[in-house]
């Protein structure tokens, strides 16, 4: 079976720079704690899936000051996302993975529902297919798996809009790709999304009382 590399895209969990839409509910420090928890949770799930290498695609590059105090779990390698919009950065990581002879699962850290079991299912769905996509409830996607590459899957996509998943699927259809579509899942981006955090996340950040945000 061809190895499937899990590419985890993440920003450094620095206060004021991550999960900014959650700052009104959690405060800057609380939002950063949540980002750290979600990153650790996602990397643990990726390692537990055991479908192939796990690579943290970091922004900024791992080792920059924003990553101070954070260590890579054993078994995880790091790379920098590099320049360009999200599409350019994902395309670059996907292409080098496929050129290496591996398949790619591209995920972020916003969807704790992407468990080890779901990651294994996504990797299995790539057998005999060109792509697998798990849509997000907000119109984006939580996972993109690729067994083939075409720049059009990433170029000119209006990222962070409700059109992302639909447009990506339309472009894959135009390429006559064989695509599996997984379950719709929820990202945790807005205060209302906090209900989708699992109990076992080990999260210490909770919404602050009014007037008590750091």
C-alpha atoms as a PDB file:
ATOM      1  CA  UNK A   1       0.000   0.000   0.000  1.00  0.00           C
ATOM      2  CA  UNK A   2       1.294   3.476  -0.873  1.00  0.00           C
ATOM      3  CA  UNK A   3       2.162   5.543   2.180  1.00  0.00           C
ATOM      4  CA  UNK A   4      -0.090   8.507   2.871  1.00  0.00           C
ATOM      5  CA  UNK A   5       1.628  11.557   4.324  1.00  0.00           C
ATOM      6  CA  UNK A   6      -0.521  13.672   6.641  1.00  0.00           C
ATOM      7  CA  UNK A   7       0.307  17.348   6.128  1.00  0.00           C
ATOM      8  CA  UNK A   8      -0.880  19.392   9.124  1.00  0.00           C
ATOM      9  CA  UNK A   9      -1.081  23.120   8.360  1.00  0.00           C
ATOM     10  CA  UNK A  10      -0.790  25.285  11.454  1.00  0.00           C
ATOM     11  CA  UNK A  11       0.160  28.751  12.622  1.00  0.00           C
ATOM     12  CA  UNK A  12       2.357  29.135  15.666  1.00  0.00           C
ATOM     13  CA  UNK A  13       0.045  29.366  18.712  1.00  0.00           C
ATOM     14  CA  UNK A  14       1.134  32.865  19.721  1.00  0.00           C
ATOM     15  CA  UNK A  15      -1.365  35.078  21.615  1.00  0.00           C
ATOM     16  CA  UNK A  16      -3.043  37.644  19.397  1.00  0.00           C
ATOM     17  CA  UNK A  17      -1.994  35.863  16.189  1.00  0.00           C
ATOM     18  CA  UNK A  18      -4.135  32.720  16.204  1.00  0.00           C
ATOM     19  CA  UNK A  19      -7.836  32.063  16.678  1.00  0.00           C
ATOM     20  CA  UNK A  20      -8.457  35.790  16.579  1.00  0.00           C
ATOM     21  CA  UNK A  21     -12.198  35.348  16.004  1.00  0.00           C
ATOM     22  CA  UNK A  22     -12.350  33.572  19.365  1.00  0.00           C
ATOM     23  CA  UNK A  23     -10.630  36.354  21.292  1.00  0.00           C
ATOM     24  CA  UNK A  24     -13.966  38.025  22.245  1.00  0.00           C
ATOM     25  CA  UNK A  25     -14.970  34.777  23.989  1.00  0.00           C
ATOM     26  CA  UNK A  26     -11.637  33.444  25.253  1.00  0.00           C
ATOM     27  CA  UNK A  27      -9.276  36.405  25.352  1.00  0.00           C
ATOM     28  CA  UNK A  28      -5.989  36.418  23.445  1.00  0.00           C
ATOM     29  CA  UNK A  29      -4.241  34.088  25.883  1.00  0.00           C
ATOM     30  CA  UNK A  30      -7.200  31.706  26.005  1.00  0.00           C
ATOM     31  CA  UNK A  31      -7.451  31.584  22.219  1.00  0.00           C
ATOM     32  CA  UNK A  32      -3.740  30.752  22.034  1.00  0.00           C
ATOM     33  CA  UNK A  33      -4.174  27.997  24.634  1.00  0.00           C
ATOM     34  CA  UNK A  34      -6.971  26.572  22.522  1.00  0.00           C
ATOM     35  CA  UNK A  35      -4.751  26.718  19.422  1.00  0.00           C
ATOM     36  CA  UNK A  36      -2.007  24.829  21.273  1.00  0.00           C
ATOM     37  CA  UNK A  37      -4.480  22.220  22.490  1.00  0.00           C
ATOM     38  CA  UNK A  38      -5.949  21.733  19.021  1.00  0.00           C
ATOM     39  CA  UNK A  39      -2.497  21.456  17.465  1.00  0.00           C
ATOM     40  CA  UNK A  40      -1.403  18.792  19.953  1.00  0.00           C
ATOM     41  CA  UNK A  41      -4.716  16.968  19.585  1.00  0.00           C
ATOM     42  CA  UNK A  42      -4.443  16.980  15.777  1.00  0.00           C
ATOM     43  CA  UNK A  43      -0.838  15.765  15.726  1.00  0.00           C
ATOM     44  CA  UNK A  44      -1.703  12.970  18.173  1.00  0.00           C
ATOM     45  CA  UNK A  45      -4.582  11.867  15.934  1.00  0.00           C
ATOM     46  CA  UNK A  46      -2.361  11.989  12.838  1.00  0.00           C
ATOM     47  CA  UNK A  47       0.294   9.844  14.522  1.00  0.00           C
ATOM     48  CA  UNK A  48      -2.309   7.400  15.850  1.00  0.00           C
ATOM     49  CA  UNK A  49      -3.787   6.998  12.358  1.00  0.00           C
ATOM     50  CA  UNK A  50      -0.493   5.323  11.373  1.00  0.00           C
ATOM     51  CA  UNK A  51      -1.031   5.701   7.623  1.00  0.00           C
ATOM     52  CA  UNK A  52       2.378   7.224   6.880  1.00  0.00           C
ATOM     53  CA  UNK A  53       4.625  10.150   7.815  1.00  0.00           C
ATOM     54  CA  UNK A  54       3.232  13.145   9.709  1.00  0.00           C
ATOM     55  CA  UNK A  55       4.517  16.574   8.689  1.00  0.00           C
ATOM     56  CA  UNK A  56       3.783  19.872  10.410  1.00  0.00           C
ATOM     57  CA  UNK A  57       3.643  22.601   7.756  1.00  0.00           C
ATOM     58  CA  UNK A  58       4.335  25.550  10.004  1.00  0.00           C
ATOM     59  CA  UNK A  59       3.791  29.292   9.687  1.00  0.00           C
ATOM     60  CA  UNK A  60       6.193  30.860  10.409  1.00  0.00           C
ATOM     61  CA  UNK A  61       8.832  28.170   9.925  1.00  0.00           C
ATOM     62  CA  UNK A  62       9.276  25.956  12.969  1.00  0.00           C
ATOM     63  CA  UNK A  63      12.039  27.320  15.160  1.00  0.00           C
ATOM     64  CA  UNK A  64      11.078  30.974  14.697  1.00  0.00           C
ATOM     65  CA  UNK A  65      10.417  32.918  17.944  1.00  0.00           C
ATOM     66  CA  UNK A  66       6.634  32.424  17.747  1.00  0.00           C
ATOM     67  CA  UNK A  67       7.251  28.696  18.309  1.00  0.00           C
ATOM     68  CA  UNK A  68       9.332  29.251  21.454  1.00  0.00           C
ATOM     69  CA  UNK A  69       8.497  26.744  24.168  1.00  0.00           C
ATOM     70  CA  UNK A  70       6.784  24.295  21.809  1.00  0.00           C
ATOM     71  CA  UNK A  71       8.425  20.978  20.903  1.00  0.00           C
ATOM     72  CA  UNK A  72       7.577  18.597  18.083  1.00  0.00           C
ATOM     73  CA  UNK A  73       6.143  15.268  19.237  1.00  0.00           C
ATOM     74  CA  UNK A  74       8.372  12.293  18.417  1.00  0.00           C
ATOM     75  CA  UNK A  75       7.637  11.063  14.905  1.00  0.00           C
ATOM     76  CA  UNK A  76       6.568  14.464  13.524  1.00  0.00           C
ATOM     77  CA  UNK A  77       8.781  16.345  11.062  1.00  0.00           C
ATOM     78  CA  UNK A  78       8.454  20.055  10.330  1.00  0.00           C
ATOM     79  CA  UNK A  79       8.559  22.167   7.188  1.00  0.00           C
ATOM     80  CA  UNK A  80       7.816  25.819   6.512  1.00  0.00           C
ATOM     81  CA  UNK A  81       4.688  26.758   4.581  1.00  0.00           C
ATOM     82  CA  UNK A  82       6.574  29.369   2.579  1.00  0.00           C
ATOM     83  CA  UNK A  83       5.137  32.286   0.657  1.00  0.00           C
ATOM     84  CA  UNK A  84       1.846  32.813  -1.164  1.00  0.00           C
ATOM     85  CA  UNK A  85      -1.818  32.446  -0.325  1.00  0.00           C
ATOM     86  CA  UNK A  86      -3.215  29.321   1.301  1.00  0.00           C
ATOM     87  CA  UNK A  87      -3.720  27.655  -2.064  1.00  0.00           C
ATOM     88  CA  UNK A  88      -0.116  28.213  -3.133  1.00  0.00           C
ATOM     89  CA  UNK A  89       1.189  26.880   0.180  1.00  0.00           C
ATOM     90  CA  UNK A  90      -1.010  23.774   0.108  1.00  0.00           C
ATOM     91  CA  UNK A  91      -0.244  23.127  -3.555  1.00  0.00           C
ATOM     92  CA  UNK A  92       3.486  23.263  -2.887  1.00  0.00           C
ATOM     93  CA  UNK A  93       3.274  20.767  -0.016  1.00  0.00           C
ATOM     94  CA  UNK A  94       0.944  18.444  -1.910  1.00  0.00           C
ATOM     95  CA  UNK A  95       3.062  18.455  -5.037  1.00  0.00           C
ATOM     96  CA  UNK A  96       6.319  17.618  -3.280  1.00  0.00           C
ATOM     97  CA  UNK A  97       4.550  14.805  -1.425  1.00  0.00           C
ATOM     98  CA  UNK A  98       3.118  13.292  -4.600  1.00  0.00           C
ATOM     99  CA  UNK A  99       6.454  13.740  -6.384  1.00  0.00           C
ATOM    100  CA  UNK A 100       7.951  11.688  -3.553  1.00  0.00           C
ATOM    101  CA  UNK A 101       5.639   8.810  -4.478  1.00  0.00           C
ATOM    102  CA  UNK A 102       3.304   9.268  -1.509  1.00  0.00           C
ATOM    103  CA  UNK A 103      -0.308  10.324  -1.306  1.00  0.00           C
ATOM    104  CA  UNK A 104      -1.283  13.383   0.725  1.00  0.00           C
ATOM    105  CA  UNK A 105      -3.882  14.212   3.340  1.00  0.00           C
ATOM    106  CA  UNK A 106      -3.976  17.965   3.941  1.00  0.00           C
ATOM    107  CA  UNK A 107      -5.620  19.080   7.160  1.00  0.00           C
ATOM    108  CA  UNK A 108      -5.609  22.032   9.525  1.00  0.00           C
ATOM    109  CA  UNK A 109      -5.992  22.003  13.288  1.00  0.00           C
ATOM    110  CA  UNK A 110      -9.477  23.540  13.501  1.00  0.00           C
ATOM    111  CA  UNK A 111     -11.486  20.301  13.318  1.00  0.00           C
ATOM    112  CA  UNK A 112     -11.101  17.976  16.314  1.00  0.00           C
ATOM    113  CA  UNK A 113     -13.627  15.612  14.705  1.00  0.00           C
ATOM    114  CA  UNK A 114     -10.815  14.478  12.380  1.00  0.00           C
ATOM    115  CA  UNK A 115      -9.970  11.544  14.611  1.00  0.00           C
ATOM    116  CA  UNK A 116      -7.414   8.835  13.899  1.00  0.00           C
ATOM    117  CA  UNK A 117     -10.261   6.646  12.651  1.00  0.00           C
ATOM    118  CA  UNK A 118     -11.489   9.286  10.217  1.00  0.00           C
ATOM    119  CA  UNK A 119      -7.957   9.901   8.974  1.00  0.00           C
ATOM    120  CA  UNK A 120      -7.537   6.175   8.332  1.00  0.00           C
ATOM    121  CA  UNK A 121     -10.860   6.139   6.491  1.00  0.00           C
ATOM    122  CA  UNK A 122      -9.757   9.073   4.339  1.00  0.00           C
ATOM    123  CA  UNK A 123      -6.468   7.377   3.489  1.00  0.00           C
ATOM    124  CA  UNK A 124      -8.331   4.184   2.580  1.00  0.00           C
ATOM    125  CA  UNK A 125     -10.745   6.174   0.400  1.00  0.00           C
ATOM    126  CA  UNK A 126      -7.804   7.309  -1.729  1.00  0.00           C
ATOM    127  CA  UNK A 127      -7.215   3.724  -2.863  1.00  0.00           C
ATOM    128  CA  UNK A 128      -8.238   3.774  -6.518  1.00  0.00           C
ATOM    129  CA  UNK A 129      -9.298   7.444  -6.388  1.00  0.00           C
ATOM    130  CA  UNK A 130      -7.738  10.774  -7.235  1.00  0.00           C
ATOM    131  CA  UNK A 131      -9.039  12.725  -4.262  1.00  0.00           C
ATOM    132  CA  UNK A 132     -11.107  12.675  -1.092  1.00  0.00           C
ATOM    133  CA  UNK A 133     -12.713  15.753   0.455  1.00  0.00           C
ATOM    134  CA  UNK A 134     -14.443  16.207   3.807  1.00  0.00           C
ATOM    135  CA  UNK A 135     -16.632  19.328   3.628  1.00  0.00           C
ATOM    136  CA  UNK A 136     -16.954  21.744   6.518  1.00  0.00           C
ATOM    137  CA  UNK A 137     -20.290  23.056   7.760  1.00  0.00           C
ATOM    138  CA  UNK A 138     -19.197  26.609   6.849  1.00  0.00           C
ATOM    139  CA  UNK A 139     -18.667  25.749   3.171  1.00  0.00           C
ATOM    140  CA  UNK A 140     -14.935  25.084   3.332  1.00  0.00           C
ATOM    141  CA  UNK A 141     -13.345  21.712   3.808  1.00  0.00           C
ATOM    142  CA  UNK A 142     -11.679  20.067   6.786  1.00  0.00           C
ATOM    143  CA  UNK A 143      -9.620  17.531   4.828  1.00  0.00           C
ATOM    144  CA  UNK A 144      -8.345  17.226   1.280  1.00  0.00           C
ATOM    145  CA  UNK A 145      -6.728  13.971   0.247  1.00  0.00           C
ATOM    146  CA  UNK A 146      -4.860  13.721  -3.035  1.00  0.00           C
ATOM    147  CA  UNK A 147      -3.569  10.827  -5.080  1.00  0.00           C
ATOM    148  CA  UNK A 148      -3.143  13.095  -8.108  1.00  0.00           C
ATOM    149  CA  UNK A 149      -2.116  16.702  -8.548  1.00  0.00           C
ATOM    150  CA  UNK A 150      -3.451  19.609 -10.576  1.00  0.00           C
ATOM    151  CA  UNK A 151      -2.747  23.252  -9.762  1.00  0.00           C
ATOM    152  CA  UNK A 152      -6.335  24.167 -10.653  1.00  0.00           C
ATOM    153  CA  UNK A 153      -7.536  22.521  -7.451  1.00  0.00           C
ATOM    154  CA  UNK A 154      -5.846  25.365  -5.552  1.00  0.00           C
ATOM    155  CA  UNK A 155      -5.444  28.344  -7.890  1.00  0.00           C
ATOM    156  CA  UNK A 156      -7.858  31.246  -7.515  1.00  0.00           C
ATOM    157  CA  UNK A 157     -10.001  29.670  -4.800  1.00  0.00           C
ATOM    158  CA  UNK A 158     -11.740  32.324  -2.632  1.00  0.00           C
ATOM    159  CA  UNK A 159     -10.368  31.018   0.654  1.00  0.00           C
ATOM    160  CA  UNK A 160     -12.338  31.524   3.875  1.00  0.00           C
ATOM    161  CA  UNK A 161     -15.653  31.727   2.021  1.00  0.00           C
ATOM    162  CA  UNK A 162     -18.616  29.373   1.736  1.00  0.00           C
ATOM    163  CA  UNK A 163     -17.655  28.627  -1.884  1.00  0.00           C
ATOM    164  CA  UNK A 164     -14.449  26.716  -1.179  1.00  0.00           C
ATOM    165  CA  UNK A 165     -15.688  23.112  -1.053  1.00  0.00           C
ATOM    166  CA  UNK A 166     -18.213  23.461  -3.866  1.00  0.00           C
ATOM    167  CA  UNK A 167     -15.758  25.155  -6.203  1.00  0.00           C
ATOM    168  CA  UNK A 168     -13.024  22.636  -5.411  1.00  0.00           C
ATOM    169  CA  UNK A 169     -15.352  19.731  -6.153  1.00  0.00           C
ATOM    170  CA  UNK A 170     -16.485  21.388  -9.386  1.00  0.00           C
ATOM    171  CA  UNK A 171     -12.892  21.735 -10.536  1.00  0.00           C
ATOM    172  CA  UNK A 172     -12.194  18.100  -9.723  1.00  0.00           C
ATOM    173  CA  UNK A 173     -15.279  17.076 -11.697  1.00  0.00           C
ATOM    174  CA  UNK A 174     -13.996  19.083 -14.663  1.00  0.00           C
ATOM    175  CA  UNK A 175     -10.747  17.099 -14.426  1.00  0.00           C
ATOM    176  CA  UNK A 176     -12.791  13.848 -14.492  1.00  0.00           C
ATOM    177  CA  UNK A 177     -11.235  12.849 -11.204  1.00  0.00           C
ATOM    178  CA  UNK A 178     -12.589   9.998  -9.103  1.00  0.00           C
ATOM    179  CA  UNK A 179     -13.503  11.693  -5.827  1.00  0.00           C
ATOM    180  CA  UNK A 180     -14.834  10.440  -2.497  1.00  0.00           C
ATOM    181  CA  UNK A 181     -16.760  12.929  -0.355  1.00  0.00           C
ATOM    182  CA  UNK A 182     -16.705  12.302   3.375  1.00  0.00           C
ATOM    183  CA  UNK A 183     -18.890  13.468   6.223  1.00  0.00           C
ATOM    184  CA  UNK A 184     -19.558  17.155   6.797  1.00  0.00           C
ATOM    185  CA  UNK A 185     -17.663  18.212   9.918  1.00  0.00           C
ATOM    186  CA  UNK A 186     -17.352  21.371  12.004  1.00  0.00           C
ATOM    187  CA  UNK A 187     -14.349  23.646  12.357  1.00  0.00           C
ATOM    188  CA  UNK A 188     -13.906  25.596  15.591  1.00  0.00           C
ATOM    189  CA  UNK A 189     -13.463  29.186  14.411  1.00  0.00           C
ATOM    190  CA  UNK A 190     -16.189  31.264  16.058  1.00  0.00           C
ATOM    191  CA  UNK A 191     -17.482  31.430  19.666  1.00  0.00           C
ATOM    192  CA  UNK A 192     -20.595  29.445  18.670  1.00  0.00           C
ATOM    193  CA  UNK A 193     -18.321  26.627  17.462  1.00  0.00           C
ATOM    194  CA  UNK A 194     -16.932  25.956  20.936  1.00  0.00           C
ATOM    195  CA  UNK A 195     -19.759  23.460  21.483  1.00  0.00           C
ATOM    196  CA  UNK A 196     -17.952  21.162  19.016  1.00  0.00           C
ATOM    197  CA  UNK A 197     -14.873  20.797  21.224  1.00  0.00           C
ATOM    198  CA  UNK A 198     -14.526  17.223  22.519  1.00  0.00           C
ATOM    199  CA  UNK A 199     -14.488  16.589  26.255  1.00  0.00           C
ATOM    200  CA  UNK A 200     -11.122  14.824  26.032  1.00  0.00           C
ATOM    201  CA  UNK A 201      -9.325  17.777  24.468  1.00  0.00           C
ATOM    202  CA  UNK A 202      -7.869  18.741  27.829  1.00  0.00           C
ATOM    203  CA  UNK A 203      -8.741  22.366  27.184  1.00  0.00           C
ATOM    204  CA  UNK A 204      -8.192  24.769  30.027  1.00  0.00           C
ATOM    205  CA  UNK A 205      -9.306  27.847  28.077  1.00  0.00           C
ATOM    206  CA  UNK A 206     -12.961  28.662  28.626  1.00  0.00           C
ATOM    207  CA  UNK A 207     -15.028  31.757  27.792  1.00  0.00           C
ATOM    208  CA  UNK A 208     -14.231  34.553  30.202  1.00  0.00           C
ATOM    209  CA  UNK A 209     -16.867  36.374  32.159  1.00  0.00           C
ATOM    210  CA  UNK A 210     -17.653  39.798  30.711  1.00  0.00           C
ATOM    211  CA  UNK A 211     -15.008  42.281  31.698  1.00  0.00           C
ATOM    212  CA  UNK A 212     -12.592  39.523  32.777  1.00  0.00           C
ATOM    213  CA  UNK A 213     -10.652  38.913  29.587  1.00  0.00           C
ATOM    214  CA  UNK A 214      -6.851  39.084  29.748  1.00  0.00           C
END
